[in-house]
Each structure stands twice: as C-alpha cells, then as structure tokens.
C-alpha cells in the first residue's frame, strides 16, 4: 500500500492529465474524489471550498455519467459538471463492490496554473447518494465503450443539456451543509497573568 501526502500549499501529488480549469471526478479502489481546478481564486473561494455550502448530484443517460456540483462562494450561480467513466479504469483500480469503501468524498481545490493544492475537504456521502454512485459504476463496468465513442457521446450530452438541466434530471442529489470549524477557545475564560 502506498501513501499519498496531500499538503495544502504544496504541489498536488497526483497527476492531472486534463489541462485548464474545471472539475474532475474519479471513483476507484481508493473511493470517490473530486478535484476542482481554477486559475483564478482568492481567499474567499478557498474558504468557501473548505467550509462552504455545496450541492452535489449524479446524472446518467445512455450509459454515460456526470458528477454535478454547485459551490456557494465560488460560483455565483449555476452548476458545473464533469463526466466520469468506470470503463477505462484497469481492473485493479476499480472499487471492490463486494466490500464498499467508506461512503466519503474527498474534495481538492487546485490552482490550475501552479498545480498547487489550495484547499481540501472530506464530505460524508448519504447512504442514498453512495448507493446510486455504486449502482452507476457497476452498470458502467459492464458496458464496454471505446474512448472515441465515449468522447463523442459526452459531446452529444453537452449539446443536449446544460449543467442545470442535468441537475433537474439527476438520479441522486446531496446537500453539503456549511461546516464552520469549532473555536477551540469557545466557552473558556481567558486567564490573565
């Protein structure tokens, strides 16, 4: 077993093949992971990603699946989407569906220019959302698809639906509440010396 060290402020430790801004979703033997790459961020966006309210959704059509996201404080309105395909993972990388991993989603905000990790967060998935994700993944593993055909089909979905329309037709939705860290000094009286 190898260990990957995710350290805010340092280079993101995993390779990111897709250039530019946008979201990447992966569901594999290590669980579910979402990476949001942005070239322009500020402290508000970083904090919104780390603690802010989010809404997540899953959309599927014709064997294709999309992870949808809306993050308060980063996107003024609207939804982002990213396609994902289990078919292209090697057998060893696929989740063990007989022994599901903990139902959590690891989120990473990465500066797309410097490839530096700006913020990270772990979200507990609801049982319904995790079950739907697993169901979609199992279906995809049993549906062979060539990479060129896959790309063409993704383009067709993007021409047919906006991200907001995909959200309206989503098969699973989860709200992620505001997660303000507790103040370790709350309720304690300062002692003056």
N, C-alpha and C. Protein backbone atom coordinates (compact mmCIF):
# COMPACT_ATOMS: atom_id res chain seq x y z
N UNK A 1 0.85 -1.19 0.00
CA UNK A 1 0.00 0.00 0.00
C UNK A 1 0.88 1.24 0.00
N UNK A 2 0.59 2.19 -0.87
CA UNK A 2 1.35 3.42 -0.92
C UNK A 2 0.55 4.53 -0.24
N UNK A 3 1.25 5.51 0.25
CA UNK A 3 0.62 6.62 0.95
C UNK A 3 0.89 7.90 0.17
N UNK A 4 -0.15 8.67 -0.09
CA UNK A 4 -0.01 9.94 -0.80
C UNK A 4 -0.24 11.06 0.19
N UNK A 5 0.69 12.00 0.23
CA UNK A 5 0.61 13.11 1.17
C UNK A 5 -0.01 14.33 0.48
N UNK A 6 -1.20 14.71 0.93
CA UNK A 6 -1.88 15.90 0.42
C UNK A 6 -1.61 17.03 1.41
N UNK A 7 -0.87 18.03 0.99
CA UNK A 7 -0.49 19.13 1.87
C UNK A 7 -0.89 20.45 1.22
N UNK A 8 -1.78 21.19 1.88
CA UNK A 8 -2.19 22.49 1.36
C UNK A 8 -0.97 23.39 1.23
N UNK A 9 -0.88 24.08 0.09
CA UNK A 9 0.24 24.97 -0.17
C UNK A 9 1.38 24.31 -0.94
N UNK A 10 1.29 23.00 -1.15
CA UNK A 10 2.33 22.29 -1.89
C UNK A 10 1.76 21.75 -3.20
N UNK A 11 2.63 21.27 -4.06
CA UNK A 11 2.21 20.73 -5.36
C UNK A 11 1.24 19.57 -5.15
N UNK A 12 0.16 19.55 -5.95
CA UNK A 12 -0.81 18.48 -5.85
C UNK A 12 -0.11 17.17 -6.21
N UNK A 13 -0.20 16.15 -5.35
CA UNK A 13 0.64 14.96 -5.52
C UNK A 13 0.20 13.95 -6.58
N UNK A 14 -0.98 14.14 -7.17
CA UNK A 14 -1.45 13.20 -8.19
C UNK A 14 -1.37 13.85 -9.57
N UNK A 15 -1.12 13.05 -10.60
CA UNK A 15 -1.08 13.63 -11.95
C UNK A 15 -2.47 14.05 -12.41
N UNK A 16 -2.55 15.21 -13.05
CA UNK A 16 -3.81 15.70 -13.62
C UNK A 16 -3.58 15.84 -15.12
N UNK A 17 -4.19 14.96 -15.87
CA UNK A 17 -3.94 14.93 -17.32
C UNK A 17 -4.69 16.01 -18.08
N UNK A 18 -5.84 16.44 -17.57
CA UNK A 18 -6.65 17.42 -18.28
C UNK A 18 -6.18 18.83 -17.95
N UNK A 19 -5.76 19.61 -18.97
CA UNK A 19 -5.28 20.98 -18.71
C UNK A 19 -6.44 21.95 -18.49
N UNK A 20 -6.13 23.10 -17.95
CA UNK A 20 -7.11 24.17 -17.81
C UNK A 20 -7.99 24.03 -16.58
N UNK A 21 -9.01 24.91 -16.52
CA UNK A 21 -9.93 24.94 -15.39
C UNK A 21 -11.04 23.91 -15.57
N UNK A 22 -11.61 23.50 -14.43
CA UNK A 22 -12.75 22.59 -14.48
C UNK A 22 -12.68 21.54 -13.41
N UNK A 23 -13.72 20.72 -13.36
CA UNK A 23 -13.81 19.67 -12.37
C UNK A 23 -13.45 18.31 -12.93
N UNK A 24 -12.88 17.48 -12.07
CA UNK A 24 -12.55 16.10 -12.42
C UNK A 24 -13.09 15.22 -11.30
N UNK A 25 -13.81 14.17 -11.67
CA UNK A 25 -14.35 13.25 -10.68
C UNK A 25 -13.81 11.86 -10.97
N UNK A 26 -13.44 11.16 -9.91
CA UNK A 26 -12.96 9.79 -10.06
C UNK A 26 -13.50 8.93 -8.93
N UNK A 27 -13.92 7.75 -9.29
CA UNK A 27 -14.40 6.77 -8.31
C UNK A 27 -13.62 5.50 -8.59
N UNK A 28 -12.74 5.13 -7.67
CA UNK A 28 -11.89 3.97 -7.90
C UNK A 28 -11.68 3.19 -6.61
N UNK A 29 -10.66 2.34 -6.58
CA UNK A 29 -10.40 1.47 -5.42
C UNK A 29 -10.15 2.27 -4.15
N UNK A 30 -9.73 3.52 -4.28
CA UNK A 30 -9.48 4.37 -3.11
C UNK A 30 -10.71 5.17 -2.68
N UNK A 31 -11.80 5.03 -3.40
CA UNK A 31 -13.02 5.75 -3.06
C UNK A 31 -13.33 6.83 -4.08
N UNK A 32 -14.12 7.82 -3.66
CA UNK A 32 -14.56 8.90 -4.55
C UNK A 32 -13.74 10.15 -4.30
N UNK A 33 -13.34 10.82 -5.40
CA UNK A 33 -12.51 12.01 -5.31
C UNK A 33 -12.98 13.02 -6.35
N UNK A 34 -13.06 14.29 -5.94
CA UNK A 34 -13.40 15.38 -6.84
C UNK A 34 -12.31 16.43 -6.75
N UNK A 35 -11.78 16.82 -7.92
CA UNK A 35 -10.75 17.85 -7.99
C UNK A 35 -11.33 19.02 -8.78
N UNK A 36 -11.29 20.21 -8.19
CA UNK A 36 -11.71 21.42 -8.90
C UNK A 36 -10.47 22.24 -9.17
N UNK A 37 -10.18 22.46 -10.46
CA UNK A 37 -9.01 23.24 -10.86
C UNK A 37 -9.47 24.62 -11.30
N UNK A 38 -8.90 25.65 -10.68
CA UNK A 38 -9.23 27.03 -11.04
C UNK A 38 -7.95 27.83 -11.20
N UNK A 39 -7.92 28.72 -12.20
CA UNK A 39 -6.74 29.55 -12.42
C UNK A 39 -6.85 30.87 -11.66
N UNK A 40 -8.05 31.25 -11.27
CA UNK A 40 -8.24 32.50 -10.53
C UNK A 40 -9.02 32.22 -9.26
N UNK A 41 -8.36 32.36 -8.14
CA UNK A 41 -9.02 32.16 -6.84
C UNK A 41 -8.60 33.27 -5.89
N UNK A 42 -9.36 33.40 -4.83
CA UNK A 42 -8.98 34.32 -3.77
C UNK A 42 -9.25 33.62 -2.45
N UNK A 43 -9.00 34.29 -1.36
CA UNK A 43 -9.16 33.68 -0.04
C UNK A 43 -10.62 33.29 0.21
N UNK A 44 -11.55 34.05 -0.35
CA UNK A 44 -12.97 33.74 -0.17
C UNK A 44 -13.31 32.41 -0.86
N UNK A 45 -12.80 32.22 -2.08
CA UNK A 45 -13.06 30.98 -2.81
C UNK A 45 -12.45 29.78 -2.09
N UNK A 46 -11.23 29.96 -1.60
CA UNK A 46 -10.55 28.88 -0.89
C UNK A 46 -11.33 28.49 0.36
N UNK A 47 -11.78 29.49 1.11
CA UNK A 47 -12.53 29.22 2.34
C UNK A 47 -13.91 28.64 2.02
N UNK A 48 -14.53 29.11 0.95
CA UNK A 48 -15.84 28.58 0.54
C UNK A 48 -15.72 27.10 0.20
N UNK A 49 -14.64 26.72 -0.45
CA UNK A 49 -14.43 25.32 -0.80
C UNK A 49 -14.22 24.49 0.47
N UNK A 50 -13.47 25.03 1.40
CA UNK A 50 -13.11 24.28 2.62
C UNK A 50 -14.28 24.13 3.58
N UNK A 51 -15.14 25.17 3.66
CA UNK A 51 -16.19 25.14 4.68
C UNK A 51 -17.59 25.45 4.17
N UNK A 52 -17.70 25.90 2.92
CA UNK A 52 -18.97 26.42 2.43
C UNK A 52 -20.02 25.37 2.10
N UNK A 53 -21.20 25.87 1.83
CA UNK A 53 -22.33 25.04 1.45
C UNK A 53 -22.14 24.58 0.00
N UNK A 54 -22.48 23.32 -0.26
CA UNK A 54 -22.37 22.76 -1.61
C UNK A 54 -23.61 21.92 -1.90
N UNK A 55 -23.81 21.68 -3.17
CA UNK A 55 -24.81 20.71 -3.57
C UNK A 55 -24.16 19.83 -4.64
N UNK A 56 -24.34 18.52 -4.49
CA UNK A 56 -23.75 17.54 -5.40
C UNK A 56 -24.87 16.74 -6.04
N UNK A 57 -24.64 16.25 -7.25
CA UNK A 57 -25.66 15.44 -7.91
C UNK A 57 -25.02 14.48 -8.90
N UNK A 58 -25.77 13.45 -9.23
CA UNK A 58 -25.35 12.47 -10.23
C UNK A 58 -26.38 12.42 -11.34
N UNK A 59 -25.91 12.47 -12.58
CA UNK A 59 -26.78 12.40 -13.75
C UNK A 59 -26.28 11.27 -14.63
N UNK A 60 -27.21 10.51 -15.19
CA UNK A 60 -26.81 9.45 -16.11
C UNK A 60 -27.80 9.37 -17.26
N UNK A 61 -27.25 9.04 -18.43
CA UNK A 61 -28.09 8.82 -19.61
C UNK A 61 -27.28 8.01 -20.61
N UNK A 62 -27.90 6.99 -21.16
CA UNK A 62 -27.31 6.16 -22.21
C UNK A 62 -25.93 5.61 -21.82
N UNK A 63 -25.79 5.21 -20.56
CA UNK A 63 -24.53 4.63 -20.11
C UNK A 63 -23.47 5.64 -19.74
N UNK A 64 -23.78 6.93 -19.88
CA UNK A 64 -22.84 7.98 -19.51
C UNK A 64 -23.22 8.54 -18.14
N UNK A 65 -22.23 8.96 -17.38
CA UNK A 65 -22.49 9.50 -16.05
C UNK A 65 -21.76 10.82 -15.86
N UNK A 66 -22.39 11.73 -15.13
CA UNK A 66 -21.81 13.04 -14.85
C UNK A 66 -21.94 13.33 -13.37
N UNK A 67 -20.88 13.86 -12.80
CA UNK A 67 -20.88 14.36 -11.43
C UNK A 67 -21.14 15.85 -11.53
N UNK A 68 -22.17 16.33 -10.83
CA UNK A 68 -22.56 17.74 -10.88
C UNK A 68 -22.25 18.41 -9.54
N UNK A 69 -21.89 19.68 -9.58
CA UNK A 69 -21.52 20.38 -8.35
C UNK A 69 -21.90 21.86 -8.43
N UNK A 70 -22.31 22.37 -7.27
CA UNK A 70 -22.58 23.79 -7.11
C UNK A 70 -21.98 24.17 -5.77
N UNK A 71 -21.11 25.19 -5.77
CA UNK A 71 -20.39 25.56 -4.55
C UNK A 71 -20.61 27.04 -4.29
N UNK A 72 -21.33 27.34 -3.20
CA UNK A 72 -21.56 28.74 -2.81
C UNK A 72 -20.22 29.41 -2.54
N UNK A 73 -20.08 30.65 -2.99
CA UNK A 73 -18.86 31.40 -2.74
C UNK A 73 -17.83 31.25 -3.84
N UNK A 74 -18.02 30.26 -4.72
CA UNK A 74 -17.11 30.10 -5.86
C UNK A 74 -17.87 30.39 -7.14
N UNK A 75 -19.05 29.78 -7.27
CA UNK A 75 -19.88 30.01 -8.45
C UNK A 75 -21.08 30.84 -8.00
N UNK A 76 -21.24 32.01 -8.60
CA UNK A 76 -22.33 32.89 -8.19
C UNK A 76 -23.69 32.21 -8.44
N UNK A 77 -23.80 31.53 -9.55
CA UNK A 77 -25.00 30.75 -9.82
C UNK A 77 -24.62 29.69 -10.83
N UNK A 78 -25.46 28.72 -10.94
CA UNK A 78 -25.20 27.69 -11.94
C UNK A 78 -24.47 26.48 -11.39
N UNK A 79 -24.34 25.53 -12.25
CA UNK A 79 -23.77 24.24 -11.91
C UNK A 79 -22.57 23.95 -12.78
N UNK A 80 -21.67 23.16 -12.24
CA UNK A 80 -20.56 22.62 -13.01
C UNK A 80 -20.82 21.13 -13.18
N UNK A 81 -20.23 20.55 -14.21
CA UNK A 81 -20.39 19.12 -14.40
C UNK A 81 -19.09 18.52 -14.92
N UNK A 82 -18.89 17.27 -14.62
CA UNK A 82 -17.76 16.54 -15.19
C UNK A 82 -18.16 15.09 -15.42
N UNK A 83 -17.90 14.60 -16.64
CA UNK A 83 -18.23 13.22 -16.93
C UNK A 83 -17.23 12.28 -16.25
N UNK A 84 -17.66 11.09 -15.98
CA UNK A 84 -16.74 10.07 -15.47
C UNK A 84 -17.13 8.73 -16.04
N UNK A 85 -16.12 7.87 -16.23
CA UNK A 85 -16.36 6.57 -16.86
C UNK A 85 -15.55 5.50 -16.17
N UNK A 86 -16.22 4.52 -15.63
CA UNK A 86 -15.55 3.39 -14.97
C UNK A 86 -14.90 2.45 -15.98
N UNK A 87 -15.39 2.45 -17.20
CA UNK A 87 -14.92 1.51 -18.20
C UNK A 87 -13.42 1.61 -18.45
N UNK A 88 -12.85 2.78 -18.27
CA UNK A 88 -11.45 3.00 -18.64
C UNK A 88 -10.48 2.76 -17.49
N UNK A 89 -11.00 2.39 -16.32
CA UNK A 89 -10.12 2.03 -15.21
C UNK A 89 -9.65 0.60 -15.38
N UNK A 90 -8.40 0.36 -15.05
CA UNK A 90 -7.89 -1.01 -15.05
C UNK A 90 -8.60 -1.78 -13.93
N UNK A 91 -8.67 -3.08 -14.09
CA UNK A 91 -9.37 -3.94 -13.13
C UNK A 91 -8.90 -3.69 -11.69
N UNK A 92 -7.59 -3.55 -11.51
CA UNK A 92 -7.03 -3.35 -10.16
C UNK A 92 -7.41 -2.00 -9.57
N UNK A 93 -7.76 -1.03 -10.41
CA UNK A 93 -8.12 0.31 -9.94
C UNK A 93 -9.60 0.42 -9.58
N UNK A 94 -10.40 -0.53 -10.02
CA UNK A 94 -11.84 -0.44 -9.79
C UNK A 94 -12.19 -0.71 -8.32
N UNK A 95 -13.27 -0.10 -7.85
CA UNK A 95 -13.70 -0.37 -6.47
C UNK A 95 -14.07 -1.84 -6.30
N UNK A 96 -13.92 -2.33 -5.09
CA UNK A 96 -14.40 -3.67 -4.76
C UNK A 96 -15.85 -3.51 -4.33
N UNK A 97 -16.77 -3.81 -5.24
CA UNK A 97 -18.18 -3.57 -4.97
C UNK A 97 -18.75 -4.51 -3.92
N UNK A 98 -18.03 -5.60 -3.61
CA UNK A 98 -18.49 -6.51 -2.57
C UNK A 98 -18.12 -5.98 -1.18
N UNK A 99 -17.12 -5.12 -1.12
CA UNK A 99 -16.69 -4.50 0.15
C UNK A 99 -16.56 -3.00 -0.08
N UNK A 100 -17.66 -2.30 -0.12
CA UNK A 100 -17.60 -0.85 -0.42
C UNK A 100 -16.74 -0.09 0.58
N UNK A 101 -16.00 0.88 0.05
CA UNK A 101 -15.20 1.76 0.90
C UNK A 101 -16.14 2.66 1.71
N UNK A 102 -15.58 3.34 2.70
CA UNK A 102 -16.38 4.28 3.47
C UNK A 102 -17.05 5.26 2.51
N UNK A 103 -18.31 5.58 2.75
CA UNK A 103 -19.03 6.48 1.84
C UNK A 103 -18.63 7.94 2.06
N UNK A 104 -17.44 8.28 1.61
CA UNK A 104 -16.95 9.66 1.72
C UNK A 104 -16.48 10.14 0.36
N UNK A 105 -16.47 11.44 0.21
CA UNK A 105 -15.96 12.09 -0.99
C UNK A 105 -14.84 13.01 -0.57
N UNK A 106 -13.67 12.82 -1.18
CA UNK A 106 -12.52 13.70 -0.91
C UNK A 106 -12.52 14.79 -1.98
N UNK A 107 -12.49 16.05 -1.53
CA UNK A 107 -12.53 17.18 -2.44
C UNK A 107 -11.22 17.96 -2.36
N UNK A 108 -10.72 18.38 -3.53
CA UNK A 108 -9.46 19.12 -3.60
C UNK A 108 -9.63 20.31 -4.53
N UNK A 109 -9.21 21.48 -4.06
CA UNK A 109 -9.18 22.70 -4.88
C UNK A 109 -7.73 22.94 -5.26
N UNK A 110 -7.47 22.99 -6.57
CA UNK A 110 -6.10 23.08 -7.07
C UNK A 110 -5.96 24.30 -7.99
N UNK A 111 -4.87 25.04 -7.81
CA UNK A 111 -4.53 26.14 -8.72
C UNK A 111 -4.08 25.51 -10.04
N UNK A 112 -4.82 25.75 -11.13
CA UNK A 112 -4.52 25.06 -12.39
C UNK A 112 -3.25 25.57 -13.06
N UNK A 113 -2.78 26.76 -12.69
CA UNK A 113 -1.54 27.28 -13.29
C UNK A 113 -0.31 26.70 -12.60
N UNK A 114 -0.34 26.67 -11.26
CA UNK A 114 0.82 26.23 -10.48
C UNK A 114 0.71 24.79 -10.01
N UNK A 115 -0.47 24.19 -10.17
CA UNK A 115 -0.76 22.83 -9.70
C UNK A 115 -0.50 22.69 -8.20
N UNK A 116 -0.87 23.72 -7.46
CA UNK A 116 -0.71 23.75 -6.00
C UNK A 116 -2.06 23.47 -5.36
N UNK A 117 -2.06 22.64 -4.31
CA UNK A 117 -3.29 22.35 -3.57
C UNK A 117 -3.64 23.54 -2.69
N UNK A 118 -4.80 24.13 -2.94
CA UNK A 118 -5.23 25.33 -2.20
C UNK A 118 -6.10 25.01 -1.01
N UNK A 119 -6.91 23.95 -1.12
CA UNK A 119 -7.85 23.60 -0.06
C UNK A 119 -8.30 22.16 -0.25
N UNK A 120 -8.68 21.53 0.85
CA UNK A 120 -9.22 20.18 0.75
C UNK A 120 -10.30 19.99 1.81
N UNK A 121 -11.12 18.99 1.55
CA UNK A 121 -12.27 18.73 2.41
C UNK A 121 -12.73 17.30 2.21
N UNK A 122 -13.27 16.70 3.25
CA UNK A 122 -13.86 15.37 3.14
C UNK A 122 -15.34 15.48 3.53
N UNK A 123 -16.20 14.93 2.68
CA UNK A 123 -17.64 15.00 2.89
C UNK A 123 -18.18 13.59 3.04
N UNK A 124 -18.99 13.37 4.07
CA UNK A 124 -19.67 12.08 4.22
C UNK A 124 -20.84 12.05 3.24
N UNK A 125 -20.89 10.99 2.43
CA UNK A 125 -21.99 10.84 1.48
C UNK A 125 -23.17 10.17 2.17
N UNK A 126 -24.37 10.57 1.78
CA UNK A 126 -25.55 9.91 2.32
C UNK A 126 -25.60 8.49 1.77
N UNK A 127 -26.32 7.63 2.45
CA UNK A 127 -26.44 6.23 2.00
C UNK A 127 -27.05 6.16 0.60
N UNK A 128 -28.05 7.01 0.32
CA UNK A 128 -28.70 7.01 -1.00
C UNK A 128 -27.74 7.45 -2.10
N UNK A 129 -26.97 8.50 -1.83
CA UNK A 129 -26.04 9.01 -2.84
C UNK A 129 -24.94 7.98 -3.11
N UNK A 130 -24.39 7.39 -2.04
CA UNK A 130 -23.34 6.39 -2.19
C UNK A 130 -23.85 5.16 -2.93
N UNK A 131 -25.08 4.74 -2.64
CA UNK A 131 -25.67 3.58 -3.31
C UNK A 131 -25.87 3.85 -4.79
N UNK A 132 -26.33 5.05 -5.13
CA UNK A 132 -26.54 5.40 -6.54
C UNK A 132 -25.21 5.46 -7.28
N UNK A 133 -24.20 6.03 -6.65
CA UNK A 133 -22.87 6.08 -7.26
C UNK A 133 -22.36 4.67 -7.55
N UNK A 134 -22.52 3.78 -6.59
CA UNK A 134 -22.08 2.38 -6.75
C UNK A 134 -22.88 1.71 -7.87
N UNK A 135 -24.20 1.94 -7.91
CA UNK A 135 -25.06 1.34 -8.94
C UNK A 135 -24.64 1.80 -10.34
N UNK A 136 -24.38 3.09 -10.51
CA UNK A 136 -23.95 3.62 -11.80
C UNK A 136 -22.61 3.02 -12.20
N UNK A 137 -21.69 2.93 -11.23
CA UNK A 137 -20.36 2.40 -11.51
C UNK A 137 -20.42 0.93 -11.96
N UNK A 138 -21.24 0.15 -11.30
CA UNK A 138 -21.38 -1.27 -11.66
C UNK A 138 -21.94 -1.40 -13.08
N UNK A 139 -22.96 -0.58 -13.40
CA UNK A 139 -23.52 -0.61 -14.75
C UNK A 139 -22.45 -0.26 -15.79
N UNK A 140 -21.66 0.77 -15.49
CA UNK A 140 -20.63 1.20 -16.44
C UNK A 140 -19.57 0.12 -16.64
N UNK A 141 -19.19 -0.57 -15.59
CA UNK A 141 -18.17 -1.63 -15.71
C UNK A 141 -18.63 -2.73 -16.64
N UNK A 142 -19.93 -2.92 -16.75
CA UNK A 142 -20.48 -3.97 -17.60
C UNK A 142 -20.89 -3.47 -18.98
N UNK A 143 -20.55 -2.23 -19.27
CA UNK A 143 -20.93 -1.64 -20.55
C UNK A 143 -19.66 -1.19 -21.28
N UNK A 144 -19.10 -2.04 -22.15
CA UNK A 144 -17.88 -1.67 -22.84
C UNK A 144 -18.11 -0.47 -23.77
N UNK A 145 -17.11 0.40 -23.84
CA UNK A 145 -17.24 1.60 -24.65
C UNK A 145 -15.85 2.01 -25.12
N UNK A 146 -15.70 2.29 -26.40
CA UNK A 146 -14.42 2.76 -26.93
C UNK A 146 -14.23 4.23 -26.54
N UNK A 147 -12.98 4.65 -26.33
CA UNK A 147 -12.71 6.02 -25.90
C UNK A 147 -13.23 7.07 -26.88
N UNK A 148 -13.04 6.83 -28.18
CA UNK A 148 -13.52 7.79 -29.18
C UNK A 148 -15.03 7.91 -29.17
N UNK A 149 -15.71 6.78 -29.06
CA UNK A 149 -17.18 6.78 -28.99
C UNK A 149 -17.63 7.50 -27.72
N UNK A 150 -16.94 7.23 -26.61
CA UNK A 150 -17.25 7.87 -25.34
C UNK A 150 -17.18 9.39 -25.48
N UNK A 151 -16.10 9.89 -26.05
CA UNK A 151 -15.93 11.35 -26.21
C UNK A 151 -17.05 11.94 -27.06
N UNK A 152 -17.41 11.24 -28.12
CA UNK A 152 -18.50 11.72 -28.99
C UNK A 152 -19.83 11.75 -28.24
N UNK A 153 -20.08 10.72 -27.44
CA UNK A 153 -21.33 10.65 -26.70
C UNK A 153 -21.40 11.73 -25.62
N UNK A 154 -20.27 12.01 -24.98
CA UNK A 154 -20.22 13.10 -23.98
C UNK A 154 -20.56 14.42 -24.66
N UNK A 155 -19.98 14.68 -25.84
CA UNK A 155 -20.27 15.91 -26.57
C UNK A 155 -21.76 16.02 -26.90
N UNK A 156 -22.38 14.91 -27.26
CA UNK A 156 -23.82 14.91 -27.56
C UNK A 156 -24.64 15.30 -26.33
N UNK A 157 -24.26 14.77 -25.17
CA UNK A 157 -24.97 15.12 -23.92
C UNK A 157 -24.80 16.60 -23.63
N UNK A 158 -23.59 17.13 -23.80
CA UNK A 158 -23.35 18.55 -23.56
C UNK A 158 -24.13 19.43 -24.53
N UNK A 159 -24.35 18.95 -25.74
CA UNK A 159 -25.16 19.71 -26.70
C UNK A 159 -26.65 19.64 -26.35
N UNK A 160 -27.04 18.55 -25.74
CA UNK A 160 -28.45 18.32 -25.42
C UNK A 160 -28.89 19.00 -24.12
N UNK A 161 -27.99 19.03 -23.12
CA UNK A 161 -28.34 19.55 -21.79
C UNK A 161 -27.32 20.56 -21.29
N UNK A 162 -27.82 21.56 -20.57
CA UNK A 162 -26.93 22.41 -19.77
C UNK A 162 -26.69 21.68 -18.45
N UNK A 163 -25.73 22.15 -17.67
CA UNK A 163 -25.49 21.55 -16.36
C UNK A 163 -26.74 21.65 -15.47
N UNK A 164 -27.44 22.78 -15.55
CA UNK A 164 -28.65 22.97 -14.75
C UNK A 164 -29.74 21.98 -15.16
N UNK A 165 -29.86 21.70 -16.45
CA UNK A 165 -30.85 20.73 -16.91
C UNK A 165 -30.48 19.32 -16.45
N UNK A 166 -29.17 19.01 -16.43
CA UNK A 166 -28.74 17.72 -15.90
C UNK A 166 -29.13 17.61 -14.43
N UNK A 167 -28.96 18.71 -13.70
CA UNK A 167 -29.31 18.71 -12.27
C UNK A 167 -30.79 18.42 -12.08
N UNK A 168 -31.64 18.99 -12.94
CA UNK A 168 -33.08 18.76 -12.84
C UNK A 168 -33.43 17.28 -13.05
N UNK A 169 -32.63 16.58 -13.85
CA UNK A 169 -32.88 15.18 -14.16
C UNK A 169 -31.98 14.24 -13.35
N UNK A 170 -31.32 14.76 -12.33
CA UNK A 170 -30.36 13.97 -11.55
C UNK A 170 -31.03 12.78 -10.85
N UNK A 171 -30.28 11.69 -10.78
CA UNK A 171 -30.80 10.48 -10.11
C UNK A 171 -30.44 10.45 -8.63
N UNK A 172 -29.53 11.30 -8.21
CA UNK A 172 -29.17 11.43 -6.79
C UNK A 172 -28.69 12.84 -6.53
N UNK A 173 -29.09 13.39 -5.39
CA UNK A 173 -28.70 14.76 -5.01
C UNK A 173 -28.33 14.75 -3.53
N UNK A 174 -27.30 15.49 -3.21
CA UNK A 174 -26.92 15.63 -1.80
C UNK A 174 -26.52 17.06 -1.51
N UNK A 175 -27.07 17.60 -0.44
CA UNK A 175 -26.66 18.91 0.03
C UNK A 175 -25.57 18.74 1.06
N UNK A 176 -24.56 19.60 0.97
CA UNK A 176 -23.46 19.59 1.94
C UNK A 176 -23.58 20.89 2.73
N UNK A 177 -23.76 20.75 4.01
CA UNK A 177 -24.01 21.92 4.87
C UNK A 177 -22.74 22.73 5.08
N UNK A 178 -22.93 23.98 5.45
CA UNK A 178 -21.85 24.85 5.88
C UNK A 178 -21.12 24.16 7.03
N UNK A 179 -19.80 24.10 6.98
CA UNK A 179 -19.03 23.39 8.01
C UNK A 179 -18.02 24.33 8.64
N UNK A 180 -18.50 25.15 9.54
CA UNK A 180 -17.61 26.10 10.20
C UNK A 180 -16.88 25.38 11.33
N UNK A 181 -15.54 25.39 11.31
CA UNK A 181 -14.80 24.71 12.37
C UNK A 181 -15.13 25.31 13.74
N UNK A 182 -15.16 24.44 14.75
CA UNK A 182 -15.43 24.92 16.10
C UNK A 182 -14.24 25.67 16.64
N UNK A 183 -14.54 26.71 17.39
CA UNK A 183 -13.48 27.51 18.02
C UNK A 183 -12.99 26.75 19.25
N UNK A 184 -11.70 26.39 19.30
CA UNK A 184 -11.21 25.63 20.44
C UNK A 184 -11.27 26.42 21.75
N UNK A 185 -11.41 27.74 21.67
CA UNK A 185 -11.46 28.57 22.87
C UNK A 185 -12.88 28.90 23.30
N UNK A 186 -13.87 28.44 22.52
CA UNK A 186 -15.26 28.74 22.85
C UNK A 186 -15.62 28.19 24.23
N UNK A 187 -16.23 29.05 25.05
CA UNK A 187 -16.68 28.63 26.37
C UNK A 187 -15.61 28.68 27.44
N UNK A 188 -14.37 29.05 27.07
CA UNK A 188 -13.29 29.11 28.06
C UNK A 188 -13.04 30.56 28.42
N UNK A 189 -12.73 30.77 29.66
CA UNK A 189 -12.44 32.10 30.14
C UNK A 189 -10.93 32.32 30.09
N UNK A 190 -10.50 33.42 29.42
CA UNK A 190 -9.07 33.66 29.36
C UNK A 190 -8.51 33.98 30.76
N UNK A 191 -7.33 33.52 31.00
CA UNK A 191 -6.67 33.76 32.29
C UNK A 191 -5.60 34.82 32.06
N UNK A 192 -5.72 35.90 32.79
CA UNK A 192 -4.73 36.97 32.69
C UNK A 192 -3.61 36.74 33.69
N UNK A 193 -2.41 36.90 33.25
CA UNK A 193 -1.27 36.70 34.16
C UNK A 193 -0.56 38.00 34.42
